[in-house]
Amino acid sequence: MSAGTTVVVLIAAPPGLRGHLTRWFVEVAAGVYVGNPNPRIRERLWNVLAERIHDGQAVVIEPAATEQGWSARTAGRDRWAPSTSTA
């Protein structure tokens, strides 16, 4: 994967939202999208996801200036929060 790769995972998402993502991402498995959108597009897509996910769940793994080189964002009704512990 390249340094700018973004991964989006959708669970129980509205069909229109899944279609919207295919403009910038390739769906490599059901609900799993991979692409290299620029930061401006990625932020816009996140806003659309967070607004339109409703009862579903969305997880976005994106490049970040962290030790791992990435960070995660979540949205939806039953949000899962990534663990920050190192133990």
PDB file of N, CA and C in Angstrom:
ATOM      1  N   MET A   1       0.850  -1.180   0.000  1.00  0.00           N
ATOM      2  CA  MET A   1       0.000   0.000   0.000  1.00  0.00           C
ATOM      3  C   MET A   1       0.886   1.231   0.000  1.00  0.00           C
ATOM      4  N   SER A   2       0.400   2.259  -0.659  1.00  0.00           N
ATOM      5  CA  SER A   2       1.152   3.510  -0.678  1.00  0.00           C
ATOM      6  C   SER A   2       0.870   4.319   0.577  1.00  0.00           C
ATOM      7  N   ALA A   3       1.677   5.326   0.810  1.00  0.00           N
ATOM      8  CA  ALA A   3       1.544   6.157   2.011  1.00  0.00           C
ATOM      9  C   ALA A   3       0.217   6.898   2.059  1.00  0.00           C
ATOM     10  N   GLY A   4      -0.417   7.148   0.925  1.00  0.00           N
ATOM     11  CA  GLY A   4      -1.673   7.892   0.904  1.00  0.00           C
ATOM     12  C   GLY A   4      -2.914   7.031   0.849  1.00  0.00           C
ATOM     13  N   THR A   5      -2.768   5.717   1.024  1.00  0.00           N
ATOM     14  CA  THR A   5      -3.899   4.812   0.900  1.00  0.00           C
ATOM     15  C   THR A   5      -4.893   5.015   2.039  1.00  0.00           C
ATOM     16  N   THR A   6      -6.177   5.023   1.672  1.00  0.00           N
ATOM     17  CA  THR A   6      -7.266   5.146   2.627  1.00  0.00           C
ATOM     18  C   THR A   6      -8.154   3.915   2.495  1.00  0.00           C
ATOM     19  N   VAL A   7      -8.604   3.374   3.631  1.00  0.00           N
ATOM     20  CA  VAL A   7      -9.501   2.221   3.653  1.00  0.00           C
ATOM     21  C   VAL A   7     -10.781   2.642   4.371  1.00  0.00           C
ATOM     22  N   VAL A   8     -11.918   2.310   3.777  1.00  0.00           N
ATOM     23  CA  VAL A   8     -13.222   2.598   4.372  1.00  0.00           C
ATOM     24  C   VAL A   8     -13.961   1.274   4.521  1.00  0.00           C
ATOM     25  N   VAL A   9     -14.533   1.030   5.704  1.00  0.00           N
ATOM     26  CA  VAL A   9     -15.351  -0.150   5.942  1.00  0.00           C
ATOM     27  C   VAL A   9     -16.741   0.326   6.337  1.00  0.00           C
ATOM     28  N   LEU A  10     -17.757  -0.150   5.604  1.00  0.00           N
ATOM     29  CA  LEU A  10     -19.140   0.193   5.901  1.00  0.00           C
ATOM     30  C   LEU A  10     -19.896  -1.057   6.318  1.00  0.00           C
ATOM     31  N   ILE A  11     -20.696  -0.922   7.368  1.00  0.00           N
ATOM     32  CA  ILE A  11     -21.536  -2.006   7.857  1.00  0.00           C
ATOM     33  C   ILE A  11     -22.965  -1.484   7.913  1.00  0.00           C
ATOM     34  N   ALA A  12     -23.872  -2.185   7.269  1.00  0.00           N
ATOM     35  CA  ALA A  12     -25.298  -1.811   7.238  1.00  0.00           C
ATOM     36  C   ALA A  12     -25.499  -0.380   6.751  1.00  0.00           C
ATOM     37  N   ALA A  13     -24.780  -0.025   5.696  1.00  0.00           N
ATOM     38  CA  ALA A  13     -24.862   1.338   5.149  1.00  0.00           C
ATOM     39  C   ALA A  13     -25.972   1.437   4.122  1.00  0.00           C
ATOM     40  N   PRO A  14     -26.571   2.625   3.979  1.00  0.00           N
ATOM     41  CA  PRO A  14     -27.568   2.827   2.940  1.00  0.00           C
ATOM     42  C   PRO A  14     -26.947   2.592   1.552  1.00  0.00           C
ATOM     43  N   PRO A  15     -27.681   1.987   0.616  1.00  0.00           N
ATOM     44  CA  PRO A  15     -27.132   1.697  -0.717  1.00  0.00           C
ATOM     45  C   PRO A  15     -26.570   2.927  -1.424  1.00  0.00           C
ATOM     46  N   GLY A  16     -27.193   4.062  -1.313  1.00  0.00           N
ATOM     47  CA  GLY A  16     -26.711   5.267  -1.974  1.00  0.00           C
ATOM     48  C   GLY A  16     -25.344   5.701  -1.483  1.00  0.00           C
ATOM     49  N   LEU A  17     -25.077   5.445  -0.225  1.00  0.00           N
ATOM     50  CA  LEU A  17     -23.787   5.811   0.355  1.00  0.00           C
ATOM     51  C   LEU A  17     -22.680   4.930  -0.214  1.00  0.00           C
ATOM     52  N   ARG A  18     -22.973   3.653  -0.360  1.00  0.00           N
ATOM     53  CA  ARG A  18     -21.989   2.733  -0.955  1.00  0.00           C
ATOM     54  C   ARG A  18     -21.676   3.147  -2.388  1.00  0.00           C
ATOM     55  N   GLY A  19     -22.701   3.512  -3.135  1.00  0.00           N
ATOM     56  CA  GLY A  19     -22.494   3.960  -4.502  1.00  0.00           C
ATOM     57  C   GLY A  19     -21.680   5.239  -4.571  1.00  0.00           C
ATOM     58  N   HIS A  20     -21.917   6.126  -3.620  1.00  0.00           N
ATOM     59  CA  HIS A  20     -21.184   7.403  -3.575  1.00  0.00           C
ATOM     60  C   HIS A  20     -19.683   7.157  -3.440  1.00  0.00           C
ATOM     61  N   LEU A  21     -19.289   6.183  -2.631  1.00  0.00           N
ATOM     62  CA  LEU A  21     -17.869   5.910  -2.413  1.00  0.00           C
ATOM     63  C   LEU A  21     -17.169   5.370  -3.655  1.00  0.00           C
ATOM     64  N   THR A  22     -17.911   4.710  -4.544  1.00  0.00           N
ATOM     65  CA  THR A  22     -17.268   4.108  -5.710  1.00  0.00           C
ATOM     66  C   THR A  22     -16.750   5.148  -6.698  1.00  0.00           C
ATOM     67  N   ARG A  23     -17.029   6.401  -6.470  1.00  0.00           N
ATOM     68  CA  ARG A  23     -16.462   7.459  -7.316  1.00  0.00           C
ATOM     69  C   ARG A  23     -14.959   7.622  -7.059  1.00  0.00           C
ATOM     70  N   TRP A  24     -14.513   7.334  -5.839  1.00  0.00           N
ATOM     71  CA  TRP A  24     -13.108   7.552  -5.456  1.00  0.00           C
ATOM     72  C   TRP A  24     -12.400   6.295  -4.977  1.00  0.00           C
ATOM     73  N   PHE A  25     -13.148   5.230  -4.723  1.00  0.00           N
ATOM     74  CA  PHE A  25     -12.580   4.016  -4.161  1.00  0.00           C
ATOM     75  C   PHE A  25     -12.958   2.800  -4.993  1.00  0.00           C
ATOM     76  N   VAL A  26     -12.194   1.732  -4.817  1.00  0.00           N
ATOM     77  CA  VAL A  26     -12.521   0.431  -5.396  1.00  0.00           C
ATOM     78  C   VAL A  26     -13.063  -0.432  -4.261  1.00  0.00           C
ATOM     79  N   GLU A  27     -14.193  -1.090  -4.488  1.00  0.00           N
ATOM     80  CA  GLU A  27     -14.762  -1.978  -3.479  1.00  0.00           C
ATOM     81  C   GLU A  27     -14.094  -3.338  -3.632  1.00  0.00           C
ATOM     82  N   VAL A  28     -13.177  -3.661  -2.719  1.00  0.00           N
ATOM     83  CA  VAL A  28     -12.390  -4.888  -2.826  1.00  0.00           C
ATOM     84  C   VAL A  28     -13.089  -6.090  -2.191  1.00  0.00           C
ATOM     85  N   ALA A  29     -14.034  -5.847  -1.325  1.00  0.00           N
ATOM     86  CA  ALA A  29     -14.900  -6.859  -0.716  1.00  0.00           C
ATOM     87  C   ALA A  29     -16.169  -6.129  -0.308  1.00  0.00           C
ATOM     88  N   ALA A  30     -17.210  -6.866   0.009  1.00  0.00           N
ATOM     89  CA  ALA A  30     -18.480  -6.226   0.362  1.00  0.00           C
ATOM     90  C   ALA A  30     -18.283  -5.239   1.509  1.00  0.00           C
ATOM     91  N   GLY A  31     -18.494  -3.953   1.223  1.00  0.00           N
ATOM     92  CA  GLY A  31     -18.398  -2.912   2.234  1.00  0.00           C
ATOM     93  C   GLY A  31     -16.992  -2.450   2.556  1.00  0.00           C
ATOM     94  N   VAL A  32     -15.976  -2.938   1.834  1.00  0.00           N
ATOM     95  CA  VAL A  32     -14.580  -2.541   2.089  1.00  0.00           C
ATOM     96  C   VAL A  32     -14.055  -1.815   0.854  1.00  0.00           C
ATOM     97  N   TYR A  33     -13.634  -0.574   1.040  1.00  0.00           N
ATOM     98  CA  TYR A  33     -13.212   0.288  -0.063  1.00  0.00           C
ATOM     99  C   TYR A  33     -11.773   0.729   0.153  1.00  0.00           C
ATOM    100  N   VAL A  34     -10.991   0.768  -0.937  1.00  0.00           N
ATOM    101  CA  VAL A  34      -9.592   1.183  -0.874  1.00  0.00           C
ATOM    102  C   VAL A  34      -9.350   2.208  -1.968  1.00  0.00           C
ATOM    103  N   GLY A  35      -8.648   3.289  -1.617  1.00  0.00           N
ATOM    104  CA  GLY A  35      -8.336   4.310  -2.607  1.00  0.00           C
ATOM    105  C   GLY A  35      -7.286   5.276  -2.099  1.00  0.00           C
ATOM    106  N   ASN A  36      -6.974   6.261  -2.942  1.00  0.00           N
ATOM    107  CA  ASN A  36      -5.962   7.273  -2.611  1.00  0.00           C
ATOM    108  C   ASN A  36      -6.502   8.683  -2.833  1.00  0.00           C
ATOM    109  N   PRO A  37      -7.616   9.049  -2.211  1.00  0.00           N
ATOM    110  CA  PRO A  37      -8.115  10.408  -2.408  1.00  0.00           C
ATOM    111  C   PRO A  37      -7.206  11.428  -1.728  1.00  0.00           C
ATOM    112  N   ASN A  38      -7.158  12.634  -2.277  1.00  0.00           N
ATOM    113  CA  ASN A  38      -6.349  13.670  -1.638  1.00  0.00           C
ATOM    114  C   ASN A  38      -7.025  14.104  -0.333  1.00  0.00           C
ATOM    115  N   PRO A  39      -6.305  14.800   0.535  1.00  0.00           N
ATOM    116  CA  PRO A  39      -6.862  15.164   1.849  1.00  0.00           C
ATOM    117  C   PRO A  39      -8.170  15.952   1.774  1.00  0.00           C
ATOM    118  N   ARG A  40      -8.315  16.823   0.793  1.00  0.00           N
ATOM    119  CA  ARG A  40      -9.555  17.605   0.668  1.00  0.00           C
ATOM    120  C   ARG A  40     -10.741  16.699   0.359  1.00  0.00           C
ATOM    121  N   ILE A  41     -10.580  15.782  -0.591  1.00  0.00           N
ATOM    122  CA  ILE A  41     -11.647  14.842  -0.933  1.00  0.00           C
ATOM    123  C   ILE A  41     -11.930  13.917   0.238  1.00  0.00           C
ATOM    124  N   ARG A  42     -10.886  13.439   0.902  1.00  0.00           N
ATOM    125  CA  ARG A  42     -11.065  12.540   2.052  1.00  0.00           C
ATOM    126  C   ARG A  42     -11.891  13.211   3.143  1.00  0.00           C
ATOM    127  N   GLU A  43     -11.636  14.478   3.421  1.00  0.00           N
ATOM    128  CA  GLU A  43     -12.398  15.193   4.449  1.00  0.00           C
ATOM    129  C   GLU A  43     -13.856  15.362   4.038  1.00  0.00           C
ATOM    130  N   ARG A  44     -14.081  15.689   2.781  1.00  0.00           N
ATOM    131  CA  ARG A  44     -15.463  15.810   2.281  1.00  0.00           C
ATOM    132  C   ARG A  44     -16.194  14.478   2.369  1.00  0.00           C
ATOM    133  N   LEU A  45     -15.513  13.403   1.979  1.00  0.00           N
ATOM    134  CA  LEU A  45     -16.130  12.079   2.063  1.00  0.00           C
ATOM    135  C   LEU A  45     -16.460  11.711   3.504  1.00  0.00           C
ATOM    136  N   TRP A  46     -15.563  12.036   4.424  1.00  0.00           N
ATOM    137  CA  TRP A  46     -15.838  11.752   5.833  1.00  0.00           C
ATOM    138  C   TRP A  46     -17.099  12.486   6.287  1.00  0.00           C
ATOM    139  N   ASN A  47     -17.248  13.729   5.911  1.00  0.00           N
ATOM    140  CA  ASN A  47     -18.438  14.486   6.296  1.00  0.00           C
ATOM    141  C   ASN A  47     -19.705  13.839   5.752  1.00  0.00           C
ATOM    142  N   VAL A  48     -19.667  13.362   4.517  1.00  0.00           N
ATOM    143  CA  VAL A  48     -20.823  12.678   3.922  1.00  0.00           C
ATOM    144  C   VAL A  48     -21.093  11.374   4.672  1.00  0.00           C
ATOM    145  N   LEU A  49     -20.049  10.599   4.934  1.00  0.00           N
ATOM    146  CA  LEU A  49     -20.223   9.341   5.666  1.00  0.00           C
ATOM    147  C   LEU A  49     -20.842   9.572   7.034  1.00  0.00           C
ATOM    148  N   ALA A  50     -20.275  10.486   7.787  1.00  0.00           N
ATOM    149  CA  ALA A  50     -20.748  10.739   9.152  1.00  0.00           C
ATOM    150  C   ALA A  50     -22.196  11.222   9.162  1.00  0.00           C
ATOM    151  N   GLU A  51     -22.572  11.984   8.153  1.00  0.00           N
ATOM    152  CA  GLU A  51     -23.939  12.521   8.088  1.00  0.00           C
ATOM    153  C   GLU A  51     -24.950  11.481   7.621  1.00  0.00           C
ATOM    154  N   ARG A  52     -24.546  10.608   6.699  1.00  0.00           N
ATOM    155  CA  ARG A  52     -25.507   9.718   6.054  1.00  0.00           C
ATOM    156  C   ARG A  52     -25.462   8.263   6.507  1.00  0.00           C
ATOM    157  N   ILE A  53     -24.595   7.903   7.459  1.00  0.00           N
ATOM    158  CA  ILE A  53     -24.483   6.508   7.866  1.00  0.00           C
ATOM    159  C   ILE A  53     -25.694   6.054   8.692  1.00  0.00           C
ATOM    160  N   HIS A  54     -26.345   6.957   9.386  1.00  0.00           N
ATOM    161  CA  HIS A  54     -27.556   6.685  10.186  1.00  0.00           C
ATOM    162  C   HIS A  54     -27.362   5.501  11.126  1.00  0.00           C
ATOM    163  N   ASP A  55     -28.097   4.394  10.914  1.00  0.00           N
ATOM    164  CA  ASP A  55     -28.035   3.245  11.828  1.00  0.00           C
ATOM    165  C   ASP A  55     -26.884   2.292  11.516  1.00  0.00           C
ATOM    166  N   GLY A  56     -26.141   2.551  10.454  1.00  0.00           N
ATOM    167  CA  GLY A  56     -25.005   1.702  10.098  1.00  0.00           C
ATOM    168  C   GLY A  56     -23.753   2.131  10.831  1.00  0.00           C
ATOM    169  N   GLN A  57     -22.630   1.598  10.371  1.00  0.00           N
ATOM    170  CA  GLN A  57     -21.337   1.938  10.954  1.00  0.00           C
ATOM    171  C   GLN A  57     -20.333   2.211   9.846  1.00  0.00           C
ATOM    172  N   ALA A  58     -19.446   3.153  10.087  1.00  0.00           N
ATOM    173  CA  ALA A  58     -18.377   3.470   9.141  1.00  0.00           C
ATOM    174  C   ALA A  58     -17.066   3.581   9.906  1.00  0.00           C
ATOM    175  N   VAL A  59     -16.025   2.994   9.325  1.00  0.00           N
ATOM    176  CA  VAL A  59     -14.669   3.106   9.859  1.00  0.00           C
ATOM    177  C   VAL A  59     -13.783   3.561   8.715  1.00  0.00           C
ATOM    178  N   VAL A  60     -12.997   4.596   8.943  1.00  0.00           N
ATOM    179  CA  VAL A  60     -12.060   5.094   7.941  1.00  0.00           C
ATOM    180  C   VAL A  60     -10.656   5.010   8.526  1.00  0.00           C
ATOM    181  N   ILE A  61      -9.771   4.325   7.806  1.00  0.00           N
ATOM    182  CA  ILE A  61      -8.354   4.260   8.160  1.00  0.00           C
ATOM    183  C   ILE A  61      -7.644   5.156   7.159  1.00  0.00           C
ATOM    184  N   GLU A  62      -6.942   6.179   7.661  1.00  0.00           N
ATOM    185  CA  GLU A  62      -6.341   7.166   6.767  1.00  0.00           C
ATOM    186  C   GLU A  62      -4.919   7.493   7.198  1.00  0.00           C
ATOM    187  N   PRO A  63      -4.125   8.011   6.255  1.00  0.00           N
ATOM    188  CA  PRO A  63      -2.749   8.386   6.587  1.00  0.00           C
ATOM    189  C   PRO A  63      -2.736   9.467   7.679  1.00  0.00           C
ATOM    190  N   ALA A  64      -1.773   9.363   8.587  1.00  0.00           N
ATOM    191  CA  ALA A  64      -1.644  10.361   9.657  1.00  0.00           C
ATOM    192  C   ALA A  64      -0.199  10.385  10.142  1.00  0.00           C
ATOM    193  N   ALA A  65       0.151  11.485  10.752  1.00  0.00           N
ATOM    194  CA  ALA A  65       1.501  11.648  11.301  1.00  0.00           C
ATOM    195  C   ALA A  65       1.557  11.021  12.692  1.00  0.00           C
ATOM    196  N   THR A  66       1.390   9.705  12.743  1.00  0.00           N
ATOM    197  CA  THR A  66       1.469   8.961  13.993  1.00  0.00           C
ATOM    198  C   THR A  66       2.591   7.936  13.870  1.00  0.00           C
ATOM    199  N   GLU A  67       2.887   7.269  14.949  1.00  0.00           N
ATOM    200  CA  GLU A  67       3.938   6.250  14.918  1.00  0.00           C
ATOM    201  C   GLU A  67       3.613   5.142  13.927  1.00  0.00           C
ATOM    202  N   GLN A  68       2.331   4.784  13.830  1.00  0.00           N
ATOM    203  CA  GLN A  68       1.915   3.744  12.895  1.00  0.00           C
ATOM    204  C   GLN A  68       1.776   4.264  11.463  1.00  0.00           C
ATOM    205  N   GLY A  69       1.622   5.564  11.305  1.00  0.00           N
ATOM    206  CA  GLY A  69       1.450   6.154   9.980  1.00  0.00           C
ATOM    207  C   GLY A  69       0.003   6.244   9.539  1.00  0.00           C
ATOM    208  N   TRP A  70      -0.940   5.928  10.450  1.00  0.00           N
ATOM    209  CA  TRP A  70      -2.355   6.001  10.110  1.00  0.00           C
ATOM    210  C   TRP A  70      -3.177   6.298  11.367  1.00  0.00           C
ATOM    211  N   SER A  71      -4.427   6.704  11.129  1.00  0.00           N
ATOM    212  CA  SER A  71      -5.374   6.899  12.225  1.00  0.00           C
ATOM    213  C   SER A  71      -6.735   6.381  11.768  1.00  0.00           C
ATOM    214  N   ALA A  72      -7.639   6.201  12.730  1.00  0.00           N
ATOM    215  CA  ALA A  72      -8.969   5.676  12.433  1.00  0.00           C
ATOM    216  C   ALA A  72     -10.033   6.645  12.914  1.00  0.00           C
ATOM    217  N   ARG A  73     -11.092   6.773  12.105  1.00  0.00           N
ATOM    218  CA  ARG A  73     -12.284   7.528  12.496  1.00  0.00           C
ATOM    219  C   ARG A  73     -13.472   6.583  12.398  1.00  0.00           C
ATOM    220  N   THR A  74     -14.433   6.757  13.295  1.00  0.00           N
ATOM    221  CA  THR A  74     -15.632   5.926  13.268  1.00  0.00           C
ATOM    222  C   THR A  74     -16.873   6.794  13.343  1.00  0.00           C
ATOM    223  N   ALA A  75     -17.951   6.309  12.758  1.00  0.00           N
ATOM    224  CA  ALA A  75     -19.236   7.003  12.819  1.00  0.00           C
ATOM    225  C   ALA A  75     -20.342   5.964  12.764  1.00  0.00           C
ATOM    226  N   GLY A  76     -21.488   6.324  13.283  1.00  0.00           N
ATOM    227  CA  GLY A  76     -22.639   5.432  13.218  1.00  0.00           C
ATOM    228  C   GLY A  76     -23.265   5.235  14.571  1.00  0.00           C
ATOM    229  N   ARG A  77     -24.325   4.472  14.570  1.00  0.00           N
ATOM    230  CA  ARG A  77     -25.111   4.263  15.787  1.00  0.00           C
ATOM    231  C   ARG A  77     -24.313   3.555  16.879  1.00  0.00           C
ATOM    232  N   ASP A  78     -23.769   2.402  16.600  1.00  0.00           N
ATOM    233  CA  ASP A  78     -23.003   1.643  17.589  1.00  0.00           C
ATOM    234  C   ASP A  78     -21.529   1.734  17.243  1.00  0.00           C
ATOM    235  N   ARG A  79     -20.963   2.876  17.493  1.00  0.00           N
ATOM    236  CA  ARG A  79     -19.576   3.109  17.090  1.00  0.00           C
ATOM    237  C   ARG A  79     -18.601   2.260  17.884  1.00  0.00           C
ATOM    238  N   TRP A  80     -17.676   1.677  17.162  1.00  0.00           N
ATOM    239  CA  TRP A  80     -16.545   0.984  17.746  1.00  0.00           C
ATOM    240  C   TRP A  80     -15.414   1.996  17.820  1.00  0.00           C
ATOM    241  N   ALA A  81     -14.718   2.052  18.923  1.00  0.00           N
ATOM    242  CA  ALA A  81     -13.606   2.972  19.067  1.00  0.00           C
ATOM    243  C   ALA A  81     -12.316   2.193  19.065  1.00  0.00           C
ATOM    244  N   PRO A  82     -11.352   2.563  18.214  1.00  0.00           N
ATOM    245  CA  PRO A  82     -10.089   1.830  18.196  1.00  0.00           C
ATOM    246  C   PRO A  82      -9.372   1.942  19.525  1.00  0.00           C
ATOM    247  N   SER A  83      -8.726   0.866  19.931  1.00  0.00           N
ATOM    248  CA  SER A  83      -7.975   0.847  21.183  1.00  0.00           C
ATOM    249  C   SER A  83      -6.727   1.707  21.046  1.00  0.00           C
ATOM    250  N   THR A  84      -6.434   2.462  22.073  1.00  0.00           N
ATOM    251  CA  THR A  84      -5.227   3.284  22.059  1.00  0.00           C
ATOM    252  C   THR A  84      -4.169   2.740  23.003  1.00  0.00           C
ATOM    253  N   SER A  85      -4.478   1.622  23.676  1.00  0.00           N
ATOM    254  CA  SER A  85      -3.490   1.075  24.614  1.00  0.00           C
ATOM    255  C   SER A  85      -2.391   0.339  23.847  1.00  0.00           C
ATOM    256  N   THR A  86      -1.229   0.315  24.423  1.00  0.00           N
ATOM    257  CA  THR A  86      -0.091  -0.365  23.799  1.00  0.00           C
ATOM    258  C   THR A  86       0.256  -1.652  24.537  1.00  0.00           C
ATOM    259  N   ALA A  87      -0.535  -1.999  25.535  1.00  0.00           N
ATOM    260  CA  ALA A  87      -0.257  -3.205  26.329  1.00  0.00           C
ATOM    261  C   ALA A  87      -0.758  -4.445  25.649  1.00  0.00           C
TER     262      ALA A  87
END
